Protein backbone atom coordinates (compact mmCIF):
# COMPACT_ATOMS: atom_id res chain seq x y z
CA MET A 1 146.55 211.13 30.64
CA VAL A 2 146.34 214.79 31.49
CA PHE A 3 145.79 217.76 29.09
CA ALA A 4 147.16 221.06 30.78
CA GLY A 5 146.13 220.08 34.31
CA LEU A 6 142.82 218.46 33.47
CA SER A 7 142.06 214.36 33.25
CA LEU A 8 140.71 213.16 30.04
CA ALA A 9 137.35 212.76 31.58
CA LYS A 10 137.47 216.37 32.55
CA TYR A 11 138.67 217.55 29.25
CA ILE A 12 135.80 215.83 27.52
CA GLN A 13 133.30 217.25 29.79
CA GLN A 14 134.51 220.61 29.09
CA SER A 15 133.61 219.99 25.27
CA PRO A 16 130.03 219.93 24.11
CA SER A 17 131.13 218.34 20.84
CA LEU A 18 133.28 215.79 22.16
CA LEU A 19 130.86 214.95 24.86
CA ARG A 20 128.28 214.32 22.32
CA VAL A 21 130.37 211.76 20.20
CA ILE A 22 131.83 210.44 23.23
CA LYS A 23 128.78 209.80 25.71
CA PRO A 24 126.93 207.36 23.57
CA VAL A 25 130.22 205.03 22.96
CA ALA A 26 130.66 205.34 27.08
CA ASN A 27 126.98 204.14 27.57
CA ALA A 28 127.26 201.45 25.31
CA TYR A 29 130.46 200.19 26.69
CA ALA A 30 129.20 200.31 30.49
CA ASN A 31 126.03 198.33 29.14
CA ALA A 32 128.09 195.73 27.50
CA THR A 33 130.30 195.38 30.45
CA GLY A 34 127.23 194.02 32.42
CA TYR A 35 127.88 195.01 35.74
CA ARG A 36 124.31 197.07 35.69
CA GLN A 37 122.39 193.71 34.87
CA VAL A 38 123.40 192.15 38.24
CA GLY A 39 122.85 195.31 40.19
CA LEU A 40 126.29 196.65 40.80
CA LYS A 41 127.68 200.24 40.66
CA TYR A 42 130.67 201.36 38.99
CA ASP A 43 132.49 201.59 42.19
CA ASP A 44 131.71 198.34 43.21
CA LEU A 45 134.30 197.00 40.70
CA ILE A 46 137.03 198.76 42.45
CA VAL A 47 139.67 196.33 43.92
CA GLU A 48 139.60 196.39 47.70
CA GLU A 49 143.11 195.30 48.20
CA ASN A 50 144.85 198.86 47.67
CA PRO A 51 144.92 200.25 51.16
CA ARG A 52 143.32 203.44 49.87
CA VAL A 53 140.30 201.82 49.03
CA GLN A 54 140.37 200.04 52.39
CA LYS A 55 140.41 203.59 54.89
CA ALA A 56 137.63 204.71 51.64
CA LEU A 57 135.45 201.59 52.78
CA LYS A 58 135.85 202.55 56.75
CA ARG A 59 134.58 205.78 55.85
CA LEU A 60 131.67 204.91 54.19
CA THR A 61 128.10 205.29 56.27
CA GLU A 62 126.34 202.45 57.63
CA ARG A 63 123.98 202.73 55.00
CA GLU A 64 126.49 202.95 52.12
CA SER A 65 128.32 200.04 53.19
CA TYR A 66 125.28 197.95 53.69
CA ASP A 67 123.94 198.58 50.26
CA ARG A 68 127.69 197.54 48.96
CA ALA A 69 127.27 194.50 50.80
CA TYR A 70 124.34 193.60 49.70
CA ARG A 71 124.93 194.23 45.71
CA LEU A 72 127.90 192.52 46.09
CA LYS A 73 126.50 189.41 47.67
CA GLN A 74 123.43 189.71 44.92
CA ALA A 75 125.89 189.89 42.17
CA SER A 76 128.14 187.13 43.44
CA HIS A 77 124.98 184.69 43.81
CA LEU A 78 123.71 185.55 40.47
CA SER A 79 126.95 184.76 38.88
CA VAL A 80 127.21 181.75 40.31
CA LEU A 81 123.21 181.12 38.96
CA HIS A 82 124.56 182.32 35.39
CA ARG A 83 121.59 184.55 35.45
CA GLU A 84 120.84 188.53 35.52
CA LEU A 85 118.65 190.63 37.06
CA PRO A 86 115.30 191.28 35.63
CA LYS A 87 115.40 194.39 33.39
CA ASP A 88 113.48 196.58 35.81
CA GLN A 89 115.88 196.01 38.71
CA TRP A 90 118.91 196.58 36.65
CA THR A 91 121.12 199.51 38.15
CA PRO A 92 119.60 202.44 36.22
CA VAL A 93 122.26 205.12 34.59
CA GLY A 94 121.03 207.62 36.68
CA GLU A 95 121.63 206.06 40.16
CA ASP A 96 125.41 204.61 39.01
CA LYS A 97 126.80 207.37 40.92
CA ARG A 98 130.41 207.70 42.26
CA TYR A 99 130.54 206.84 46.00
CA LEU A 100 133.74 205.45 46.50
CA THR A 101 136.11 207.26 43.77
CA PRO A 102 135.54 210.49 45.83
CA LEU A 103 136.73 208.90 49.22
CA ILE A 104 139.83 207.59 47.90
CA ASP A 105 140.44 210.83 46.04
CA GLU A 106 140.30 212.72 49.24
CA ILE A 107 142.22 209.82 51.04
CA ALA A 108 144.82 210.31 48.04
CA ALA A 109 145.03 213.85 48.86
CA GLU A 110 145.47 213.88 52.81
CA GLU A 111 148.49 211.29 52.13
CA SER A 112 150.18 213.66 49.69
CA GLU A 113 149.77 216.49 52.30
CA ARG A 114 151.35 214.43 54.92
CA ALA A 115 154.46 213.53 52.75
CA ALA A 116 154.70 216.97 52.18
CA TRP A 117 154.93 218.20 55.86
CA ASP A 118 156.94 214.73 56.62
CA THR A 119 159.46 216.15 54.45
CA ALA A 120 159.26 219.87 55.19
CA SER A 121 162.80 221.22 56.64
CA VAL A 122 163.25 223.93 59.09
CA GLU A 123 165.85 226.74 58.04
CA LYS A 124 167.23 229.03 60.65
CA LYS A 125 167.80 232.55 59.67
């Protein structure tokens, strides 16, 4: 959903009163999903079968790639055991930063730019 060129998230972030109302609901929803309780970050939940995501994963640093693989392996192990991490090991809200989404957006911008150049036409004067 877009309002005058802004995404809904950016629109909410620019409105302090709306942000005060929405933020507690968003935090409650994020806690209810349970991904932080098994040590995952939000971007770990993005489906990997998308070609843009595949390209973004290749652009991760070696450390980010290792950390992602560790989090996914740990979460899958905990899922099999039907357990959660101890509360002191949950992913804190402050550490749940987007690390893959900016790369995906960058790849989408590159693809649209490439498409624009591929369809460019030259006119003789």
